[in-house]
PDB file of N, CA and C in Angstrom:
ATOM      1  N   MET A   1      81.500 -77.627  27.808  1.00  0.00           N
ATOM      2  CA  MET A   1      82.020 -78.913  27.477  1.00  0.00           C
ATOM      3  C   MET A   1      82.710 -79.131  26.492  1.00  0.00           C
ATOM      4  N   ILE A   2      83.289 -80.100  26.005  1.00  0.00           N
ATOM      5  CA  ILE A   2      84.002 -80.391  24.546  1.00  0.00           C
ATOM      6  C   ILE A   2      83.443 -81.955  24.301  1.00  0.00           C
ATOM      7  N   THR A   3      83.051 -81.360  23.007  1.00  0.00           N
ATOM      8  CA  THR A   3      82.414 -82.148  21.806  1.00  0.00           C
ATOM      9  C   THR A   3      83.263 -83.037  21.059  1.00  0.00           C
ATOM     10  N   ASN A   4      82.853 -83.799  20.976  1.00  0.00           N
ATOM     11  CA  ASN A   4      83.973 -85.332  20.152  1.00  0.00           C
ATOM     12  C   ASN A   4      84.633 -84.179  19.076  1.00  0.00           C
ATOM     13  N   LYS A   5      83.848 -83.515  18.335  1.00  0.00           N
ATOM     14  CA  LYS A   5      84.481 -82.734  16.961  1.00  0.00           C
ATOM     15  C   LYS A   5      85.536 -81.707  17.665  1.00  0.00           C
ATOM     16  N   GLN A   6      85.405 -81.509  18.742  1.00  0.00           N
ATOM     17  CA  GLN A   6      86.688 -80.053  19.824  1.00  0.00           C
ATOM     18  C   GLN A   6      87.456 -80.469  19.831  1.00  0.00           C
ATOM     19  N   SER A   7      87.365 -82.642  20.396  1.00  0.00           N
ATOM     20  CA  SER A   7      89.166 -83.172  20.661  1.00  0.00           C
ATOM     21  C   SER A   7      88.935 -84.017  19.862  1.00  0.00           C
ATOM     22  N   VAL A   8      88.850 -83.933  18.347  1.00  0.00           N
ATOM     23  CA  VAL A   8      89.824 -84.282  16.732  1.00  0.00           C
ATOM     24  C   VAL A   8      90.108 -83.567  16.200  1.00  0.00           C
ATOM     25  N   MET A   9      89.399 -82.270  16.564  1.00  0.00           N
ATOM     26  CA  MET A   9      90.129 -81.344  15.943  1.00  0.00           C
ATOM     27  C   MET A   9      91.852 -80.913  16.898  1.00  0.00           C
ATOM     28  N   TYR A  10      91.353 -80.670  18.171  1.00  0.00           N
ATOM     29  CA  TYR A  10      92.095 -80.166  18.939  1.00  0.00           C
ATOM     30  C   TYR A  10      93.540 -81.850  18.543  1.00  0.00           C
ATOM     31  N   THR A  11      93.344 -82.943  18.581  1.00  0.00           N
ATOM     32  CA  THR A  11      94.100 -83.862  18.513  1.00  0.00           C
ATOM     33  C   THR A  11      94.458 -83.822  16.808  1.00  0.00           C
ATOM     34  N   GLN A  12      94.133 -83.780  15.615  1.00  0.00           N
ATOM     35  CA  GLN A  12      94.531 -82.962  14.853  1.00  0.00           C
ATOM     36  C   GLN A  12      95.966 -82.215  14.588  1.00  0.00           C
ATOM     37  N   ILE A  13      95.432 -80.873  15.078  1.00  0.00           N
ATOM     38  CA  ILE A  13      96.501 -79.837  15.317  1.00  0.00           C
ATOM     39  C   ILE A  13      98.076 -80.029  16.069  1.00  0.00           C
ATOM     40  N   THR A  14      97.301 -80.969  17.296  1.00  0.00           N
ATOM     41  CA  THR A  14      98.458 -81.594  17.838  1.00  0.00           C
ATOM     42  C   THR A  14      99.605 -82.433  17.047  1.00  0.00           C
ATOM     43  N   LYS A  15      98.960 -82.970  16.406  1.00  0.00           N
ATOM     44  CA  LYS A  15      99.974 -83.877  15.207  1.00  0.00           C
ATOM     45  C   LYS A  15     100.518 -83.273  14.411  1.00  0.00           C
ATOM     46  N   LYS A  16      99.480 -82.093  13.790  1.00  0.00           N
ATOM     47  CA  LYS A  16     100.034 -81.442  12.867  1.00  0.00           C
ATOM     48  C   LYS A  16     101.356 -80.131  13.579  1.00  0.00           C
ATOM     49  N   ARG A  17     101.368 -80.194  14.639  1.00  0.00           N
ATOM     50  CA  ARG A  17     102.409 -78.809  15.031  1.00  0.00           C
ATOM     51  C   ARG A  17     103.570 -79.892  15.430  1.00  0.00           C
ATOM     52  N   LYS A  18     102.980 -81.655  15.785  1.00  0.00           N
ATOM     53  CA  LYS A  18     104.260 -82.419  15.852  1.00  0.00           C
ATOM     54  C   LYS A  18     104.945 -82.250  14.513  1.00  0.00           C
ATOM     55  N   LEU A  19     103.958 -82.611  13.418  1.00  0.00           N
ATOM     56  CA  LEU A  19     104.742 -83.279  12.264  1.00  0.00           C
ATOM     57  C   LEU A  19     105.687 -82.088  12.062  1.00  0.00           C
ATOM     58  N   ASP A  20     104.786 -80.709  11.795  1.00  0.00           N
ATOM     59  CA  ASP A  20     105.929 -79.068  11.521  1.00  0.00           C
ATOM     60  C   ASP A  20     106.972 -79.571  12.589  1.00  0.00           C
ATOM     61  N   ARG A  21     107.195 -79.749  13.446  1.00  0.00           N
ATOM     62  CA  ARG A  21     108.327 -79.436  13.934  1.00  0.00           C
ATOM     63  C   ARG A  21     109.241 -80.659  13.595  1.00  0.00           C
ATOM     64  N   GLU A  22     109.245 -81.399  13.216  1.00  0.00           N
ATOM     65  CA  GLU A  22     109.874 -82.911  12.812  1.00  0.00           C
ATOM     66  C   GLU A  22     110.121 -82.410  11.529  1.00  0.00           C
ATOM     67  N   PHE A  23     109.297 -82.174  10.683  1.00  0.00           N
ATOM     68  CA  PHE A  23     109.736 -81.118   9.219  1.00  0.00           C
ATOM     69  C   PHE A  23     110.843 -79.885   9.552  1.00  0.00           C
ATOM     70  N   ALA A  24     110.313 -79.382  10.021  1.00  0.00           N
ATOM     71  CA  ALA A  24     111.337 -77.886  10.379  1.00  0.00           C
ATOM     72  C   ALA A  24     113.050 -78.314  10.733  1.00  0.00           C
ATOM     73  N   TRP A  25     113.129 -79.656  11.861  1.00  0.00           N
ATOM     74  CA  TRP A  25     114.235 -80.187  12.500  1.00  0.00           C
ATOM     75  C   TRP A  25     115.129 -80.826  11.034  1.00  0.00           C
ATOM     76  N   ILE A  26     114.483 -81.526  10.239  1.00  0.00           N
ATOM     77  CA  ILE A  26     114.506 -82.363   8.908  1.00  0.00           C
ATOM     78  C   ILE A  26     115.686 -81.422   8.097  1.00  0.00           C
ATOM     79  N   SER A  27     114.752 -80.534   8.262  1.00  0.00           N
ATOM     80  CA  SER A  27     115.170 -79.278   6.942  1.00  0.00           C
ATOM     81  C   SER A  27     116.183 -78.610   7.446  1.00  0.00           C
ATOM     82  N   ARG A  28     116.230 -78.563   8.567  1.00  0.00           N
ATOM     83  CA  ARG A  28     118.014 -77.474   9.550  1.00  0.00           C
ATOM     84  C   ARG A  28     118.843 -78.780   9.683  1.00  0.00           C
ATOM     85  N   GLU A  29     118.797 -80.140   9.817  1.00  0.00           N
ATOM     86  CA  GLU A  29     119.830 -81.164   9.964  1.00  0.00           C
ATOM     87  C   GLU A  29     120.658 -81.788   8.554  1.00  0.00           C
ATOM     88  N   PHE A  30     119.710 -81.157   7.514  1.00  0.00           N
ATOM     89  CA  PHE A  30     120.099 -81.661   6.180  1.00  0.00           C
ATOM     90  C   PHE A  30     119.872 -80.074   5.006  1.00  0.00           C
ATOM     91  N   LYS A  31     119.832 -79.471   5.864  1.00  0.00           N
ATOM     92  CA  LYS A  31     120.491 -78.343   5.072  1.00  0.00           C
ATOM     93  C   LYS A  31     121.825 -77.919   4.269  1.00  0.00           C
ATOM     94  N   ASP A  32     122.302 -78.816   4.662  1.00  0.00           N
ATOM     95  CA  ASP A  32     123.520 -78.926   3.146  1.00  0.00           C
ATOM     96  C   ASP A  32     123.911 -79.976   2.272  1.00  0.00           C
ATOM     97  N   PHE A  33     122.240 -80.724   2.259  1.00  0.00           N
ATOM     98  CA  PHE A  33     122.674 -81.682   1.131  1.00  0.00           C
ATOM     99  C   PHE A  33     121.436 -81.064   0.223  1.00  0.00           C
ATOM    100  N   HIS A  34     122.206 -80.780  -1.022  1.00  0.00           N
ATOM    101  CA  HIS A  34     121.818 -80.613  -1.907  1.00  0.00           C
ATOM    102  C   HIS A  34     121.259 -82.191  -3.176  1.00  0.00           C
ATOM    103  N   THR A  35     121.537 -83.096  -3.307  1.00  0.00           N
ATOM    104  CA  THR A  35     121.197 -84.404  -3.979  1.00  0.00           C
ATOM    105  C   THR A  35     121.160 -85.345  -2.915  1.00  0.00           C
ATOM    106  N   LEU A  36     120.850 -86.592  -3.383  1.00  0.00           N
ATOM    107  CA  LEU A  36     120.424 -87.886  -2.815  1.00  0.00           C
ATOM    108  C   LEU A  36     122.407 -88.480  -2.976  1.00  0.00           C
ATOM    109  N   SER A  37     122.884 -87.990  -3.898  1.00  0.00           N
ATOM    110  CA  SER A  37     124.452 -88.506  -4.045  1.00  0.00           C
ATOM    111  C   SER A  37     125.258 -87.935  -2.666  1.00  0.00           C
ATOM    112  N   ASP A  38     124.957 -86.386  -1.869  1.00  0.00           N
ATOM    113  CA  ASP A  38     125.409 -85.921  -1.046  1.00  0.00           C
ATOM    114  C   ASP A  38     125.336 -87.003   0.311  1.00  0.00           C
ATOM    115  N   ILE A  39     124.018 -87.756   0.083  1.00  0.00           N
ATOM    116  CA  ILE A  39     123.537 -88.311   1.639  1.00  0.00           C
ATOM    117  C   ILE A  39     124.285 -90.265   1.470  1.00  0.00           C
ATOM    118  N   GLU A  40     124.712 -90.161   0.113  1.00  0.00           N
ATOM    119  CA  GLU A  40     125.413 -91.763   0.395  1.00  0.00           C
ATOM    120  C   GLU A  40     126.489 -91.543   1.030  1.00  0.00           C
ATOM    121  N   LEU A  41     126.581 -93.035   1.361  1.00  0.00           N
ATOM    122  CA  LEU A  41     126.907 -93.545   2.505  1.00  0.00           C
ATOM    123  C   LEU A  41     128.775 -93.461   2.388  1.00  0.00           C
ATOM    124  N   TYR A  42     128.856 -93.493   1.283  1.00  0.00           N
ATOM    125  CA  TYR A  42     130.387 -93.492   0.934  1.00  0.00           C
ATOM    126  C   TYR A  42     130.758 -92.082   0.948  1.00  0.00           C
ATOM    127  N   ASN A  43     129.737 -91.351   0.793  1.00  0.00           N
ATOM    128  CA  ASN A  43     130.258 -89.895   0.770  1.00  0.00           C
ATOM    129  C   ASN A  43     130.096 -89.348   2.540  1.00  0.00           C
ATOM    130  N   ALA A  44     129.967 -89.873   3.356  1.00  0.00           N
ATOM    131  CA  ALA A  44     129.758 -89.545   4.933  1.00  0.00           C
ATOM    132  C   ALA A  44     131.090 -89.537   4.943  1.00  0.00           C
ATOM    133  N   GLU A  45     132.427 -89.993   4.924  1.00  0.00           N
ATOM    134  CA  GLU A  45     133.485 -90.371   5.332  1.00  0.00           C
ATOM    135  C   GLU A  45     134.614 -88.322   4.582  1.00  0.00           C
ATOM    136  N   LYS A  46     134.003 -88.328   3.386  1.00  0.00           N
ATOM    137  CA  LYS A  46     135.147 -86.793   2.942  1.00  0.00           C
ATOM    138  C   LYS A  46     133.780 -85.944   3.321  1.00  0.00           C
ATOM    139  N   TYR A  47     132.566 -85.759   3.469  1.00  0.00           N
ATOM    140  CA  TYR A  47     132.040 -85.046   4.402  1.00  0.00           C
ATOM    141  C   TYR A  47     131.797 -84.387   5.961  1.00  0.00           C
ATOM    142  N   ALA A  48     132.454 -85.167   6.399  1.00  0.00           N
ATOM    143  CA  ALA A  48     133.008 -85.509   7.794  1.00  0.00           C
ATOM    144  C   ALA A  48     134.722 -84.252   7.757  1.00  0.00           C
ATOM    145  N   ALA A  49     135.237 -85.242   6.847  1.00  0.00           N
ATOM    146  CA  ALA A  49     136.513 -84.936   6.670  1.00  0.00           C
ATOM    147  C   ALA A  49     136.715 -83.245   6.302  1.00  0.00           C
ATOM    148  N   LEU A  50     135.299 -83.014   5.560  1.00  0.00           N
ATOM    149  CA  LEU A  50     135.379 -81.493   4.912  1.00  0.00           C
ATOM    150  C   LEU A  50     134.837 -80.739   6.383  1.00  0.00           C
ATOM    151  N   HIS A  51     133.949 -80.913   7.140  1.00  0.00           N
ATOM    152  CA  HIS A  51     134.087 -79.943   8.022  1.00  0.00           C
ATOM    153  C   HIS A  51     134.609 -80.269   8.933  1.00  0.00           C
ATOM    154  N   LEU A  52     135.001 -81.070   9.175  1.00  0.00           N
ATOM    155  CA  LEU A  52     136.211 -81.095  10.730  1.00  0.00           C
ATOM    156  C   LEU A  52     137.917 -80.599   9.859  1.00  0.00           C
ATOM    157  N   GLY A  53     137.594 -80.416   9.091  1.00  0.00           N
ATOM    158  CA  GLY A  53     138.744 -79.611   8.951  1.00  0.00           C
ATOM    159  C   GLY A  53     140.175 -80.808   7.973  1.00  0.00           C
ATOM    160  N   TYR A  54     139.586 -82.063   8.045  1.00  0.00           N
ATOM    161  CA  TYR A  54     140.698 -82.900   7.577  1.00  0.00           C
ATOM    162  C   TYR A  54     141.233 -82.854   5.893  1.00  0.00           C
ATOM    163  N   GLN A  55     142.130 -83.459   6.155  1.00  0.00           N
ATOM    164  CA  GLN A  55     142.501 -83.834   4.375  1.00  0.00           C
ATOM    165  C   GLN A  55     143.133 -85.349   4.118  1.00  0.00           C
ATOM    166  N   PHE A  56     142.232 -84.982   2.707  1.00  0.00           N
ATOM    167  CA  PHE A  56     142.341 -87.047   2.549  1.00  0.00           C
ATOM    168  C   PHE A  56     143.528 -87.205   1.497  1.00  0.00           C
TER     169      PHE A  56
END
């Protein structure tokens, strides 16, 4: 028999796992960015060019 406390704990654990996965994804996705200026929109073209091998 599942009690209300067990149900709440299960829900909270599930939410924490989802949040941990989301933070892990964010960390992997943005691991190359070290400062806020790295993710400014005006740097997007330079960043893409650098990683795609284009020259400015």
